[in-house]
Amino acid sequence: MATRLRKPEPRQRWAWLVVALAGVAGLWFGYDFGRQVSGMGLGLLMAANGAVFASLLASAVVDRLFRPRKGGREEG
């Protein structure tokens, strides 16, 4: 039986976009910083670390901003 993929909500699209852009920015900044400090090898290592940590930080912020609140006003 084939499963159908659900279309993501607009909030989920924004969340993915923010996390992806943070990863690219961390990659770019980490590479530039590492290369200026010690050359190509450290630049690549710092790029990977920058992308990972920027994505983790951005995902925590996105979860905080876009996650539905519990215990708020109830409709109905």
C-alpha atoms as a PDB file:
ATOM      1  CA  MET A   1       0.000   0.000   0.000  1.00  0.00           C
ATOM      2  CA  ALA A   2       1.442   3.331  -1.039  1.00  0.00           C
ATOM      3  CA  THR A   3       1.618   6.137   1.478  1.00  0.00           C
ATOM      4  CA  ARG A   4       0.923   9.710   0.522  1.00  0.00           C
ATOM      5  CA  LEU A   5       3.131  12.486   1.769  1.00  0.00           C
ATOM      6  CA  ARG A   6       1.375  15.374   3.432  1.00  0.00           C
ATOM      7  CA  LYS A   7       1.993  18.855   2.130  1.00  0.00           C
ATOM      8  CA  PRO A   8       3.952  20.798   4.772  1.00  0.00           C
ATOM      9  CA  GLU A   9       2.298  23.737   6.480  1.00  0.00           C
ATOM     10  CA  PRO A  10       3.610  27.235   5.741  1.00  0.00           C
ATOM     11  CA  ARG A  11       5.071  27.424   9.257  1.00  0.00           C
ATOM     12  CA  GLN A  12       7.085  24.274   8.630  1.00  0.00           C
ATOM     13  CA  ARG A  13       8.428  25.707   5.385  1.00  0.00           C
ATOM     14  CA  TRP A  14       9.585  28.850   7.168  1.00  0.00           C
ATOM     15  CA  ALA A  15      11.175  26.766   9.902  1.00  0.00           C
ATOM     16  CA  TRP A  16      13.128  24.695   7.370  1.00  0.00           C
ATOM     17  CA  LEU A  17      14.180  27.827   5.511  1.00  0.00           C
ATOM     18  CA  VAL A  18      15.468  29.539   8.667  1.00  0.00           C
ATOM     19  CA  VAL A  19      17.437  26.472   9.776  1.00  0.00           C
ATOM     20  CA  ALA A  20      18.911  25.951   6.298  1.00  0.00           C
ATOM     21  CA  LEU A  21      19.978  29.586   6.019  1.00  0.00           C
ATOM     22  CA  ALA A  22      21.550  29.444   9.473  1.00  0.00           C
ATOM     23  CA  GLY A  23      23.497  26.344   8.440  1.00  0.00           C
ATOM     24  CA  VAL A  24      24.799  28.053   5.305  1.00  0.00           C
ATOM     25  CA  ALA A  25      25.731  31.180   7.261  1.00  0.00           C
ATOM     26  CA  GLY A  26      27.553  29.076   9.881  1.00  0.00           C
ATOM     27  CA  LEU A  27      29.359  27.186   7.136  1.00  0.00           C
ATOM     28  CA  TRP A  28      30.451  30.393   5.451  1.00  0.00           C
ATOM     29  CA  PHE A  29      31.516  32.178   8.622  1.00  0.00           C
ATOM     30  CA  GLY A  30      33.299  29.134  10.055  1.00  0.00           C
ATOM     31  CA  TYR A  31      35.262  28.529   6.871  1.00  0.00           C
ATOM     32  CA  ASP A  32      36.329  32.157   6.557  1.00  0.00           C
ATOM     33  CA  PHE A  33      37.347  32.403  10.213  1.00  0.00           C
ATOM     34  CA  GLY A  34      39.257  29.107  10.246  1.00  0.00           C
ATOM     35  CA  ARG A  35      41.058  29.901   7.020  1.00  0.00           C
ATOM     36  CA  GLN A  36      42.189  33.291   8.296  1.00  0.00           C
ATOM     37  CA  VAL A  37      43.455  31.789  11.540  1.00  0.00           C
ATOM     38  CA  SER A  38      45.338  28.743  10.310  1.00  0.00           C
ATOM     39  CA  GLY A  39      44.763  27.857   6.669  1.00  0.00           C
ATOM     40  CA  MET A  40      42.660  25.432   4.668  1.00  0.00           C
ATOM     41  CA  GLY A  41      42.548  22.473   7.076  1.00  0.00           C
ATOM     42  CA  LEU A  42      41.229  24.419  10.025  1.00  0.00           C
ATOM     43  CA  GLY A  43      38.927  26.320   7.683  1.00  0.00           C
ATOM     44  CA  LEU A  44      37.166  23.120   6.643  1.00  0.00           C
ATOM     45  CA  LEU A  45      36.909  21.903  10.229  1.00  0.00           C
ATOM     46  CA  MET A  46      35.507  25.219  11.431  1.00  0.00           C
ATOM     47  CA  ALA A  47      33.074  25.287   8.500  1.00  0.00           C
ATOM     48  CA  ALA A  48      31.589  21.951   9.518  1.00  0.00           C
ATOM     49  CA  ASN A  49      31.386  22.966  13.174  1.00  0.00           C
ATOM     50  CA  GLY A  50      29.882  26.346  12.316  1.00  0.00           C
ATOM     51  CA  ALA A  51      27.177  24.775  10.169  1.00  0.00           C
ATOM     52  CA  VAL A  52      26.238  22.212  12.826  1.00  0.00           C
ATOM     53  CA  PHE A  53      26.109  24.625  15.743  1.00  0.00           C
ATOM     54  CA  ALA A  54      24.326  27.364  13.789  1.00  0.00           C
ATOM     55  CA  SER A  55      21.680  24.863  12.660  1.00  0.00           C
ATOM     56  CA  LEU A  56      21.188  23.555  16.197  1.00  0.00           C
ATOM     57  CA  LEU A  57      20.842  27.049  17.607  1.00  0.00           C
ATOM     58  CA  ALA A  58      18.458  28.108  14.843  1.00  0.00           C
ATOM     59  CA  SER A  59      16.304  24.996  15.295  1.00  0.00           C
ATOM     60  CA  ALA A  60      15.958  25.742  19.017  1.00  0.00           C
ATOM     61  CA  VAL A  61      14.879  29.301  18.249  1.00  0.00           C
ATOM     62  CA  VAL A  62      12.484  28.154  15.534  1.00  0.00           C
ATOM     63  CA  ASP A  63      10.942  25.565  17.856  1.00  0.00           C
ATOM     64  CA  ARG A  64      10.419  28.250  20.451  1.00  0.00           C
ATOM     65  CA  LEU A  65       8.807  30.655  17.981  1.00  0.00           C
ATOM     66  CA  PHE A  66       6.775  28.352  15.726  1.00  0.00           C
ATOM     67  CA  ARG A  67       5.666  25.532  18.026  1.00  0.00           C
ATOM     68  CA  PRO A  68       1.987  25.685  19.012  1.00  0.00           C
ATOM     69  CA  ARG A  69       1.506  26.762  22.598  1.00  0.00           C
ATOM     70  CA  LYS A  70      -0.010  24.371  25.096  1.00  0.00           C
ATOM     71  CA  GLY A  71      -2.332  25.491  27.846  1.00  0.00           C
ATOM     72  CA  GLY A  72      -3.310  28.667  26.050  1.00  0.00           C
ATOM     73  CA  ARG A  73      -6.778  29.824  25.163  1.00  0.00           C
ATOM     74  CA  GLU A  74      -9.075  27.037  24.121  1.00  0.00           C
ATOM     75  CA  GLU A  75     -11.493  27.600  21.301  1.00  0.00           C
ATOM     76  CA  GLY A  76     -14.915  26.105  21.193  1.00  0.00           C
END
